Amino acid sequence: MFNLILFGPPGSGKGTQSEKLIAKYGFQHLSTGDLLRSEIANQTPLGLEAKNFMDKGELVPDAVVIGMISSALDNHPEAKGFLFDGFPRTAAQAEALDKLLELKKSAINLMLALEVSEEELVKRLLKRGETSGRSDDTNEKIIRARIAEYHRKTTAVADYYKQFNKVDSVPGEGTIDTIFTALGAAIDKRIK
């Protein structure tokens, strides 16, 4: 089993590249946002617990999210690997994820970080905002704040995985296919 974390700031192309990586490698996509919505819709005990926090405007505790990830892993025993999207976001979450995977006799094999300049991200998000209907993609000030928040939080996660030599940075500018080729090369180097 090969487990991958795909990282990148808002507008870096994670969604586009995730789809292509899943198609090529047969990964099971694991988005914590999707998991939360699914658990809430299915009214599972974890979903109801998460909804309770969200209804109060609070963040869902790491233990609840890790519980949902554990269930998702158990529900896909045939998976060739998992592509983690949007998680972990903190060093504490990375440690908790590693402990969970260790219990399941697995591990994170690679964290791929898409590197895109702030000016390119702003340009992409403003363009996406023209059609996405997302209000947070139409205001340059909000976009820059989201990018700064991403860097503030996720640097610690990259630093955590760097100590295990599990981080590769990939240029996230260029054509979709060029970026995908670079991501694939980084994965192929580790899969063998």
N, C-alpha and C. Protein backbone atom coordinates (compact mmCIF):
# COMPACT_ATOMS: atom_id res chain seq x y z
N MET A 1 0.85 -1.19 0.00
CA MET A 1 0.00 0.00 0.00
C MET A 1 0.89 1.24 0.00
N PHE A 2 0.54 2.20 -0.84
CA PHE A 2 1.31 3.44 -0.94
C PHE A 2 0.39 4.59 -0.55
N ASN A 3 0.77 5.33 0.49
CA ASN A 3 -0.04 6.44 0.97
C ASN A 3 0.66 7.77 0.70
N LEU A 4 -0.11 8.69 0.15
CA LEU A 4 0.42 9.95 -0.35
C LEU A 4 -0.37 11.11 0.23
N ILE A 5 0.35 12.15 0.62
CA ILE A 5 -0.30 13.41 1.00
C ILE A 5 0.02 14.40 -0.12
N LEU A 6 -1.01 14.99 -0.69
CA LEU A 6 -0.80 16.03 -1.70
C LEU A 6 -1.09 17.38 -1.06
N PHE A 7 -0.08 18.23 -1.07
CA PHE A 7 -0.16 19.53 -0.41
C PHE A 7 -0.01 20.64 -1.43
N GLY A 8 -0.59 21.74 -1.13
CA GLY A 8 -0.41 22.92 -1.96
C GLY A 8 -1.39 23.98 -1.50
N PRO A 9 -1.01 25.23 -1.69
CA PRO A 9 -1.90 26.32 -1.27
C PRO A 9 -3.16 26.36 -2.13
N PRO A 10 -4.16 27.14 -1.70
CA PRO A 10 -5.37 27.28 -2.51
C PRO A 10 -4.99 27.74 -3.92
N GLY A 11 -5.53 27.07 -4.92
CA GLY A 11 -5.26 27.46 -6.31
C GLY A 11 -4.04 26.79 -6.91
N SER A 12 -3.42 25.86 -6.17
CA SER A 12 -2.19 25.23 -6.67
C SER A 12 -2.46 24.10 -7.66
N GLY A 13 -3.72 23.67 -7.76
CA GLY A 13 -4.05 22.61 -8.70
C GLY A 13 -4.21 21.25 -8.05
N LYS A 14 -4.36 21.21 -6.73
CA LYS A 14 -4.49 19.92 -6.02
C LYS A 14 -5.65 19.10 -6.55
N GLY A 15 -6.79 19.73 -6.74
CA GLY A 15 -7.98 19.00 -7.19
C GLY A 15 -7.77 18.37 -8.55
N THR A 16 -7.25 19.15 -9.48
CA THR A 16 -6.99 18.65 -10.83
C THR A 16 -5.98 17.51 -10.80
N GLN A 17 -4.89 17.70 -10.08
CA GLN A 17 -3.84 16.69 -10.05
C GLN A 17 -4.28 15.45 -9.26
N SER A 18 -5.07 15.63 -8.21
CA SER A 18 -5.58 14.49 -7.45
C SER A 18 -6.34 13.53 -8.36
N GLU A 19 -7.23 14.09 -9.17
CA GLU A 19 -8.04 13.25 -10.07
C GLU A 19 -7.14 12.44 -11.00
N LYS A 20 -6.11 13.09 -11.54
CA LYS A 20 -5.21 12.40 -12.46
C LYS A 20 -4.38 11.32 -11.75
N LEU A 21 -3.93 11.62 -10.53
CA LEU A 21 -3.15 10.65 -9.76
C LEU A 21 -4.00 9.44 -9.37
N ILE A 22 -5.24 9.68 -8.99
CA ILE A 22 -6.15 8.60 -8.62
C ILE A 22 -6.39 7.69 -9.83
N ALA A 23 -6.60 8.32 -10.99
CA ALA A 23 -6.84 7.54 -12.21
C ALA A 23 -5.61 6.70 -12.57
N LYS A 24 -4.41 7.26 -12.45
CA LYS A 24 -3.20 6.54 -12.85
C LYS A 24 -2.80 5.46 -11.86
N TYR A 25 -2.85 5.77 -10.56
CA TYR A 25 -2.29 4.87 -9.56
C TYR A 25 -3.34 4.05 -8.80
N GLY A 26 -4.61 4.36 -8.99
CA GLY A 26 -5.66 3.61 -8.30
C GLY A 26 -5.76 3.93 -6.82
N PHE A 27 -5.30 5.12 -6.42
CA PHE A 27 -5.41 5.53 -5.02
C PHE A 27 -6.88 5.72 -4.65
N GLN A 28 -7.17 5.55 -3.39
CA GLN A 28 -8.47 5.90 -2.84
C GLN A 28 -8.35 7.35 -2.35
N HIS A 29 -9.21 8.23 -2.84
CA HIS A 29 -9.15 9.64 -2.45
C HIS A 29 -9.73 9.80 -1.05
N LEU A 30 -8.98 10.46 -0.18
CA LEU A 30 -9.43 10.65 1.19
C LEU A 30 -9.40 12.14 1.51
N SER A 31 -10.53 12.78 1.30
CA SER A 31 -10.67 14.21 1.60
C SER A 31 -11.42 14.34 2.91
N THR A 32 -10.82 15.02 3.88
CA THR A 32 -11.48 15.12 5.18
C THR A 32 -12.79 15.89 5.07
N GLY A 33 -12.85 16.86 4.17
CA GLY A 33 -14.11 17.60 3.97
C GLY A 33 -15.21 16.66 3.48
N ASP A 34 -14.88 15.82 2.50
CA ASP A 34 -15.86 14.85 1.98
C ASP A 34 -16.26 13.85 3.07
N LEU A 35 -15.26 13.39 3.84
CA LEU A 35 -15.54 12.44 4.93
C LEU A 35 -16.52 13.04 5.93
N LEU A 36 -16.25 14.28 6.34
CA LEU A 36 -17.13 14.95 7.30
C LEU A 36 -18.56 15.02 6.77
N ARG A 37 -18.70 15.48 5.51
CA ARG A 37 -20.04 15.62 4.92
C ARG A 37 -20.75 14.26 4.84
N SER A 38 -20.00 13.23 4.47
CA SER A 38 -20.58 11.89 4.34
C SER A 38 -21.02 11.33 5.69
N GLU A 39 -20.16 11.46 6.71
CA GLU A 39 -20.49 10.95 8.05
C GLU A 39 -21.71 11.69 8.62
N ILE A 40 -21.79 12.99 8.36
CA ILE A 40 -22.93 13.78 8.85
C ILE A 40 -24.20 13.35 8.11
N ALA A 41 -24.10 13.22 6.78
CA ALA A 41 -25.26 12.82 5.98
C ALA A 41 -25.78 11.44 6.38
N ASN A 42 -24.85 10.54 6.72
CA ASN A 42 -25.23 9.18 7.12
C ASN A 42 -25.56 9.07 8.61
N GLN A 43 -25.47 10.20 9.30
CA GLN A 43 -25.80 10.29 10.73
C GLN A 43 -25.10 9.22 11.57
N THR A 44 -23.80 9.00 11.25
CA THR A 44 -23.02 8.06 12.05
C THR A 44 -22.72 8.72 13.40
N PRO A 45 -22.34 7.93 14.40
CA PRO A 45 -21.98 8.55 15.69
C PRO A 45 -20.89 9.62 15.54
N LEU A 46 -19.86 9.34 14.72
CA LEU A 46 -18.80 10.34 14.51
C LEU A 46 -19.35 11.57 13.78
N GLY A 47 -20.24 11.34 12.82
CA GLY A 47 -20.84 12.44 12.07
C GLY A 47 -21.67 13.34 12.96
N LEU A 48 -22.45 12.72 13.84
CA LEU A 48 -23.28 13.50 14.77
C LEU A 48 -22.41 14.29 15.74
N GLU A 49 -21.31 13.67 16.18
CA GLU A 49 -20.38 14.37 17.08
C GLU A 49 -19.75 15.56 16.36
N ALA A 50 -19.33 15.34 15.11
CA ALA A 50 -18.72 16.43 14.32
C ALA A 50 -19.72 17.56 14.11
N LYS A 51 -20.95 17.20 13.75
CA LYS A 51 -21.99 18.20 13.49
C LYS A 51 -22.24 19.05 14.73
N ASN A 52 -22.20 18.43 15.89
CA ASN A 52 -22.39 19.14 17.14
C ASN A 52 -21.35 20.27 17.29
N PHE A 53 -20.09 19.97 16.97
CA PHE A 53 -19.03 20.99 17.04
C PHE A 53 -19.24 22.06 15.96
N MET A 54 -19.54 21.61 14.75
CA MET A 54 -19.68 22.54 13.62
C MET A 54 -20.86 23.49 13.83
N ASP A 55 -21.95 22.96 14.39
CA ASP A 55 -23.13 23.80 14.64
C ASP A 55 -22.84 24.92 15.63
N LYS A 56 -21.82 24.72 16.47
CA LYS A 56 -21.43 25.75 17.43
C LYS A 56 -20.34 26.66 16.86
N GLY A 57 -19.96 26.40 15.59
CA GLY A 57 -18.92 27.20 14.96
C GLY A 57 -17.52 26.80 15.42
N GLU A 58 -17.40 25.60 15.99
CA GLU A 58 -16.10 25.14 16.49
C GLU A 58 -15.47 24.18 15.48
N LEU A 59 -14.14 24.06 15.56
CA LEU A 59 -13.44 23.09 14.73
C LEU A 59 -13.71 21.69 15.26
N VAL A 60 -13.81 20.74 14.33
CA VAL A 60 -13.99 19.35 14.72
C VAL A 60 -12.66 18.86 15.31
N PRO A 61 -12.68 18.30 16.53
CA PRO A 61 -11.42 17.87 17.16
C PRO A 61 -10.70 16.81 16.34
N ASP A 62 -9.38 16.82 16.45
CA ASP A 62 -8.55 15.88 15.69
C ASP A 62 -8.97 14.43 15.94
N ALA A 63 -9.32 14.10 17.18
CA ALA A 63 -9.68 12.72 17.51
C ALA A 63 -10.89 12.26 16.69
N VAL A 64 -11.84 13.15 16.46
CA VAL A 64 -13.03 12.80 15.67
C VAL A 64 -12.64 12.60 14.21
N VAL A 65 -11.81 13.50 13.68
CA VAL A 65 -11.37 13.38 12.29
C VAL A 65 -10.55 12.10 12.10
N ILE A 66 -9.65 11.81 13.03
CA ILE A 66 -8.85 10.59 12.95
C ILE A 66 -9.76 9.36 12.98
N GLY A 67 -10.82 9.42 13.78
CA GLY A 67 -11.79 8.32 13.82
C GLY A 67 -12.45 8.10 12.48
N MET A 68 -12.78 9.20 11.80
CA MET A 68 -13.39 9.10 10.47
C MET A 68 -12.40 8.52 9.46
N ILE A 69 -11.15 8.93 9.56
CA ILE A 69 -10.12 8.41 8.66
C ILE A 69 -9.93 6.92 8.91
N SER A 70 -9.93 6.53 10.16
CA SER A 70 -9.80 5.11 10.51
C SER A 70 -10.92 4.30 9.87
N SER A 71 -12.15 4.80 9.97
CA SER A 71 -13.29 4.11 9.34
C SER A 71 -13.12 4.02 7.83
N ALA A 72 -12.67 5.12 7.22
CA ALA A 72 -12.49 5.13 5.76
C ALA A 72 -11.42 4.11 5.34
N LEU A 73 -10.34 4.02 6.11
CA LEU A 73 -9.30 3.03 5.81
C LEU A 73 -9.86 1.62 5.90
N ASP A 74 -10.63 1.37 6.96
CA ASP A 74 -11.22 0.04 7.17
C ASP A 74 -12.23 -0.31 6.08
N ASN A 75 -12.91 0.70 5.55
CA ASN A 75 -13.93 0.47 4.52
C ASN A 75 -13.35 0.20 3.15
N HIS A 76 -12.04 0.35 2.99
CA HIS A 76 -11.40 0.15 1.68
C HIS A 76 -10.17 -0.74 1.81
N PRO A 77 -10.36 -1.99 2.29
CA PRO A 77 -9.20 -2.86 2.51
C PRO A 77 -8.49 -3.23 1.20
N GLU A 78 -9.19 -3.10 0.08
CA GLU A 78 -8.61 -3.47 -1.22
C GLU A 78 -7.80 -2.33 -1.84
N ALA A 79 -7.80 -1.16 -1.21
CA ALA A 79 -7.15 0.01 -1.81
C ALA A 79 -5.65 -0.23 -2.03
N LYS A 80 -5.16 0.29 -3.16
CA LYS A 80 -3.73 0.21 -3.45
C LYS A 80 -2.96 1.23 -2.63
N GLY A 81 -3.71 2.20 -2.12
CA GLY A 81 -3.13 3.26 -1.32
C GLY A 81 -4.14 4.39 -1.20
N PHE A 82 -3.80 5.37 -0.39
CA PHE A 82 -4.70 6.49 -0.17
C PHE A 82 -4.00 7.80 -0.52
N LEU A 83 -4.77 8.69 -1.12
CA LEU A 83 -4.28 10.04 -1.39
C LEU A 83 -4.99 10.95 -0.38
N PHE A 84 -4.24 11.48 0.57
CA PHE A 84 -4.79 12.35 1.60
C PHE A 84 -4.83 13.78 1.08
N ASP A 85 -6.01 14.38 1.17
CA ASP A 85 -6.24 15.71 0.63
C ASP A 85 -6.84 16.57 1.74
N GLY A 86 -6.11 17.62 2.13
CA GLY A 86 -6.64 18.51 3.17
C GLY A 86 -6.35 18.03 4.59
N PHE A 87 -5.55 17.02 4.71
CA PHE A 87 -5.20 16.48 6.02
C PHE A 87 -3.89 15.72 5.88
N PRO A 88 -2.99 15.82 6.82
CA PRO A 88 -3.05 16.62 8.05
C PRO A 88 -2.72 18.09 7.79
N ARG A 89 -3.23 18.96 8.64
CA ARG A 89 -2.97 20.40 8.52
C ARG A 89 -2.06 20.93 9.62
N THR A 90 -1.79 20.11 10.62
CA THR A 90 -0.90 20.51 11.71
C THR A 90 0.06 19.35 12.01
N ALA A 91 1.14 19.65 12.71
CA ALA A 91 2.10 18.61 13.09
C ALA A 91 1.43 17.59 14.01
N ALA A 92 0.55 18.05 14.90
CA ALA A 92 -0.15 17.14 15.80
C ALA A 92 -1.03 16.17 15.00
N GLN A 93 -1.70 16.67 13.97
CA GLN A 93 -2.51 15.80 13.12
C GLN A 93 -1.62 14.80 12.36
N ALA A 94 -0.45 15.25 11.92
CA ALA A 94 0.47 14.36 11.21
C ALA A 94 0.92 13.22 12.14
N GLU A 95 1.24 13.56 13.38
CA GLU A 95 1.65 12.53 14.35
C GLU A 95 0.51 11.56 14.61
N ALA A 96 -0.71 12.08 14.76
CA ALA A 96 -1.88 11.22 15.02
C ALA A 96 -2.14 10.31 13.82
N LEU A 97 -2.00 10.85 12.61
CA LEU A 97 -2.19 10.04 11.40
C LEU A 97 -1.14 8.94 11.33
N ASP A 98 0.10 9.29 11.62
CA ASP A 98 1.17 8.28 11.60
C ASP A 98 0.89 7.15 12.61
N LYS A 99 0.41 7.51 13.80
CA LYS A 99 0.09 6.50 14.82
C LYS A 99 -1.04 5.59 14.34
N LEU A 100 -2.06 6.20 13.74
CA LEU A 100 -3.19 5.41 13.22
C LEU A 100 -2.71 4.46 12.13
N LEU A 101 -1.92 4.97 11.19
CA LEU A 101 -1.44 4.12 10.08
C LEU A 101 -0.54 3.01 10.61
N GLU A 102 0.25 3.31 11.63
CA GLU A 102 1.13 2.29 12.22
C GLU A 102 0.29 1.15 12.81
N LEU A 103 -0.82 1.51 13.47
CA LEU A 103 -1.72 0.48 14.02
C LEU A 103 -2.27 -0.40 12.91
N LYS A 104 -2.43 0.19 11.73
CA LYS A 104 -2.99 -0.56 10.59
C LYS A 104 -1.87 -1.13 9.71
N LYS A 105 -0.67 -1.14 10.27
CA LYS A 105 0.52 -1.68 9.58
C LYS A 105 0.75 -1.01 8.23
N SER A 106 0.66 0.32 8.25
CA SER A 106 0.87 1.12 7.05
C SER A 106 1.62 2.39 7.45
N ALA A 107 1.82 3.29 6.49
CA ALA A 107 2.53 4.55 6.78
C ALA A 107 2.30 5.53 5.63
N ILE A 108 2.62 6.78 5.89
CA ILE A 108 2.69 7.76 4.80
C ILE A 108 4.01 7.51 4.08
N ASN A 109 3.95 7.34 2.77
CA ASN A 109 5.16 7.09 1.99
C ASN A 109 5.76 8.38 1.45
N LEU A 110 4.89 9.37 1.15
CA LEU A 110 5.38 10.57 0.50
C LEU A 110 4.40 11.72 0.70
N MET A 111 4.98 12.90 0.92
CA MET A 111 4.20 14.13 0.91
C MET A 111 4.70 14.94 -0.27
N LEU A 112 3.82 15.18 -1.22
CA LEU A 112 4.16 15.99 -2.39
C LEU A 112 3.63 17.40 -2.16
N ALA A 113 4.49 18.39 -2.31
CA ALA A 113 4.11 19.78 -2.10
C ALA A 113 4.19 20.52 -3.43
N LEU A 114 3.05 21.01 -3.89
CA LEU A 114 3.02 21.80 -5.12
C LEU A 114 3.48 23.22 -4.79
N GLU A 115 4.52 23.66 -5.48
CA GLU A 115 5.09 24.99 -5.25
C GLU A 115 4.62 25.95 -6.35
N VAL A 116 3.88 26.98 -5.95
CA VAL A 116 3.36 27.96 -6.90
C VAL A 116 3.55 29.35 -6.29
N SER A 117 4.00 30.29 -7.12
CA SER A 117 4.23 31.65 -6.61
C SER A 117 2.90 32.29 -6.18
N GLU A 118 2.99 33.19 -5.23
CA GLU A 118 1.78 33.84 -4.73
C GLU A 118 1.05 34.59 -5.84
N GLU A 119 1.80 35.26 -6.72
CA GLU A 119 1.15 36.01 -7.80
C GLU A 119 0.36 35.09 -8.73
N GLU A 120 0.92 33.92 -9.02
CA GLU A 120 0.23 32.95 -9.88
C GLU A 120 -1.02 32.41 -9.17
N LEU A 121 -0.91 32.14 -7.86
CA LEU A 121 -2.07 31.65 -7.10
C LEU A 121 -3.20 32.68 -7.12
N VAL A 122 -2.86 33.94 -6.89
CA VAL A 122 -3.87 35.01 -6.88
C VAL A 122 -4.55 35.08 -8.25
N LYS A 123 -3.74 35.04 -9.30
CA LYS A 123 -4.28 35.09 -10.68
C LYS A 123 -5.24 33.91 -10.92
N ARG A 124 -4.82 32.72 -10.55
CA ARG A 124 -5.65 31.51 -10.77
C ARG A 124 -6.96 31.59 -9.99
N LEU A 125 -6.86 32.01 -8.71
CA LEU A 125 -8.07 32.03 -7.87
C LEU A 125 -9.05 33.11 -8.31
N LEU A 126 -8.53 34.26 -8.72
CA LEU A 126 -9.43 35.30 -9.24
C LEU A 126 -10.13 34.80 -10.50
N LYS A 127 -9.40 34.08 -11.35
CA LYS A 127 -10.00 33.52 -12.57
C LYS A 127 -11.05 32.47 -12.20
N ARG A 128 -10.70 31.60 -11.24
CA ARG A 128 -11.66 30.58 -10.79
C ARG A 128 -12.91 31.25 -10.20
N GLY A 129 -12.70 32.36 -9.50
CA GLY A 129 -13.81 33.07 -8.88
C GLY A 129 -14.82 33.60 -9.86
N GLU A 130 -14.40 33.80 -11.12
CA GLU A 130 -15.32 34.29 -12.15
C GLU A 130 -16.40 33.26 -12.46
N THR A 131 -16.10 31.97 -12.22
CA THR A 131 -17.05 30.92 -12.59
C THR A 131 -17.43 29.99 -11.43
N SER A 132 -16.66 30.00 -10.34
CA SER A 132 -16.87 28.99 -9.28
C SER A 132 -18.04 29.31 -8.37
N GLY A 133 -18.42 30.58 -8.29
CA GLY A 133 -19.46 30.97 -7.35
C GLY A 133 -18.95 31.05 -5.92
N ARG A 134 -17.64 30.85 -5.73
CA ARG A 134 -17.06 30.92 -4.38
C ARG A 134 -16.65 32.36 -4.10
N SER A 135 -17.28 32.95 -3.10
CA SER A 135 -17.00 34.35 -2.80
C SER A 135 -15.56 34.55 -2.33
N ASP A 136 -14.96 33.50 -1.73
CA ASP A 136 -13.58 33.65 -1.25
C ASP A 136 -12.56 33.61 -2.39
N ASP A 137 -13.02 33.36 -3.63
CA ASP A 137 -12.14 33.39 -4.80
C ASP A 137 -12.26 34.70 -5.59
N THR A 138 -13.03 35.66 -5.08
CA THR A 138 -13.23 36.89 -5.84
C THR A 138 -12.57 38.12 -5.22
N ASN A 139 -12.04 37.97 -4.01
CA ASN A 139 -11.47 39.11 -3.30
C ASN A 139 -9.98 38.86 -3.08
N GLU A 140 -9.15 39.71 -3.71
CA GLU A 140 -7.71 39.50 -3.65
C GLU A 140 -7.17 39.53 -2.23
N LYS A 141 -7.72 40.40 -1.39
CA LYS A 141 -7.25 40.50 -0.01
C LYS A 141 -7.51 39.19 0.74
N ILE A 142 -8.71 38.62 0.55
CA ILE A 142 -9.06 37.35 1.20
C ILE A 142 -8.18 36.22 0.66
N ILE A 143 -7.94 36.23 -0.65
CA ILE A 143 -7.10 35.21 -1.27
C ILE A 143 -5.70 35.25 -0.65
N ARG A 144 -5.13 36.44 -0.53
CA ARG A 144 -3.77 36.54 0.04
C ARG A 144 -3.76 36.10 1.50
N ALA A 145 -4.83 36.38 2.23
CA ALA A 145 -4.92 35.95 3.64
C ALA A 145 -4.99 34.42 3.71
N ARG A 146 -5.73 33.79 2.79
CA ARG A 146 -5.83 32.32 2.76
C ARG A 146 -4.47 31.70 2.46
N ILE A 147 -3.74 32.31 1.54
CA ILE A 147 -2.41 31.78 1.19
C ILE A 147 -1.46 31.91 2.39
N ALA A 148 -1.51 33.06 3.07
CA ALA A 148 -0.65 33.27 4.24
C ALA A 148 -1.00 32.26 5.34
N GLU A 149 -2.30 32.02 5.55
CA GLU A 149 -2.76 31.05 6.56
C GLU A 149 -2.27 29.64 6.20
N TYR A 150 -2.34 29.30 4.93
CA TYR A 150 -1.85 27.99 4.47
C TYR A 150 -0.37 27.84 4.85
N HIS A 151 0.44 28.85 4.53
CA HIS A 151 1.87 28.76 4.81
C HIS A 151 2.15 28.70 6.32
N ARG A 152 1.39 29.48 7.09
CA ARG A 152 1.57 29.48 8.54
C ARG A 152 1.33 28.09 9.14
N LYS A 153 0.26 27.45 8.69
CA LYS A 153 -0.12 26.17 9.29
C LYS A 153 0.65 24.99 8.73
N THR A 154 0.84 24.97 7.42
CA THR A 154 1.32 23.73 6.81
C THR A 154 2.83 23.60 6.79
N THR A 155 3.55 24.67 7.03
CA THR A 155 5.00 24.57 7.11
C THR A 155 5.39 23.53 8.17
N ALA A 156 4.65 23.52 9.28
CA ALA A 156 4.95 22.58 10.37
C ALA A 156 4.75 21.13 9.93
N VAL A 157 3.75 20.89 9.07
CA VAL A 157 3.50 19.53 8.59
C VAL A 157 4.64 19.09 7.68
N ALA A 158 5.05 19.97 6.79
CA ALA A 158 6.18 19.65 5.90
C ALA A 158 7.44 19.41 6.73
N ASP A 159 7.68 20.24 7.73
CA ASP A 159 8.85 20.06 8.59
C ASP A 159 8.79 18.71 9.30
N TYR A 160 7.60 18.32 9.73
CA TYR A 160 7.43 17.04 10.42
C TYR A 160 7.84 15.88 9.49
N TYR A 161 7.33 15.88 8.26
CA TYR A 161 7.64 14.77 7.34
C TYR A 161 9.04 14.86 6.76
N LYS A 162 9.62 16.05 6.75
CA LYS A 162 11.01 16.19 6.27
C LYS A 162 11.98 15.41 7.15
N GLN A 163 11.69 15.34 8.45
CA GLN A 163 12.59 14.61 9.35
C GLN A 163 12.64 13.12 9.01
N PHE A 164 11.65 12.64 8.25
CA PHE A 164 11.64 11.23 7.83
C PHE A 164 11.98 11.10 6.35
N ASN A 165 12.44 12.19 5.74
CA ASN A 165 12.79 12.22 4.32
C ASN A 165 11.61 11.79 3.44
N LYS A 166 10.42 12.34 3.73
CA LYS A 166 9.22 11.95 2.99
C LYS A 166 8.60 13.11 2.21
N VAL A 167 9.34 14.21 2.02
CA VAL A 167 8.76 15.38 1.34
C VAL A 167 9.49 15.64 0.03
N ASP A 168 8.72 15.77 -1.04
CA ASP A 168 9.25 16.22 -2.33
C ASP A 168 8.45 17.44 -2.76
N SER A 169 9.17 18.49 -3.17
CA SER A 169 8.51 19.67 -3.72
C SER A 169 8.50 19.54 -5.23
N VAL A 170 7.35 19.90 -5.81
CA VAL A 170 7.18 19.80 -7.26
C VAL A 170 6.69 21.16 -7.77
N PRO A 171 7.34 21.69 -8.81
CA PRO A 171 6.85 22.96 -9.37
C PRO A 171 5.40 22.82 -9.83
N GLY A 172 4.55 23.71 -9.34
CA GLY A 172 3.13 23.66 -9.67
C GLY A 172 2.73 24.67 -10.73
N GLU A 173 3.72 25.16 -11.48
CA GLU A 173 3.41 26.08 -12.58
C GLU A 173 3.86 25.43 -13.88
N GLY A 174 3.09 25.68 -14.93
CA GLY A 174 3.32 25.04 -16.22
C GLY A 174 2.02 24.40 -16.65
N THR A 175 2.10 23.50 -17.64
CA THR A 175 0.87 22.86 -18.09
C THR A 175 0.45 21.80 -17.09
N ILE A 176 -0.82 21.44 -17.11
CA ILE A 176 -1.34 20.39 -16.24
C ILE A 176 -0.54 19.11 -16.44
N ASP A 177 -0.25 18.78 -17.71
CA ASP A 177 0.47 17.53 -18.00
C ASP A 177 1.92 17.57 -17.52
N THR A 178 2.57 18.72 -17.65
CA THR A 178 3.96 18.85 -17.18
C THR A 178 4.03 18.65 -15.68
N ILE A 179 3.10 19.26 -14.96
CA ILE A 179 3.05 19.14 -13.50
C ILE A 179 2.75 17.69 -13.12
N PHE A 180 1.79 17.07 -13.82
CA PHE A 180 1.42 15.68 -13.55
C PHE A 180 2.61 14.74 -13.77
N THR A 181 3.36 14.98 -14.82
CA THR A 181 4.55 14.16 -15.11
C THR A 181 5.55 14.27 -13.96
N ALA A 182 5.75 15.48 -13.45
CA ALA A 182 6.69 15.69 -12.34
C ALA A 182 6.19 14.99 -11.06
N LEU A 183 4.89 15.07 -10.80
CA LEU A 183 4.32 14.38 -9.63
C LEU A 183 4.50 12.87 -9.78
N GLY A 184 4.20 12.36 -10.97
CA GLY A 184 4.34 10.94 -11.23
C GLY A 184 5.77 10.45 -11.06
N ALA A 185 6.73 11.25 -11.52
CA ALA A 185 8.13 10.88 -11.39
C ALA A 185 8.53 10.78 -9.91
N ALA A 186 8.04 11.71 -9.10
CA ALA A 186 8.35 11.70 -7.66
C ALA A 186 7.74 10.46 -7.00
N ILE A 187 6.52 10.09 -7.40
CA ILE A 187 5.86 8.91 -6.83
C ILE A 187 6.59 7.65 -7.29
N ASP A 188 6.87 7.56 -8.59
CA ASP A 188 7.50 6.36 -9.14
C ASP A 188 8.86 6.07 -8.48
N LYS A 189 9.57 7.14 -8.14
CA LYS A 189 10.87 6.99 -7.46
C LYS A 189 10.72 6.28 -6.11
N ARG A 190 9.59 6.52 -5.45
CA ARG A 190 9.37 5.98 -4.10
C ARG A 190 8.62 4.64 -4.11
N ILE A 191 7.85 4.39 -5.16
CA ILE A 191 7.01 3.20 -5.19
C ILE A 191 7.85 1.92 -5.33
N LYS A 192 8.94 2.01 -6.09
CA LYS A 192 9.68 0.77 -6.37
C LYS A 192 10.14 0.02 -5.16
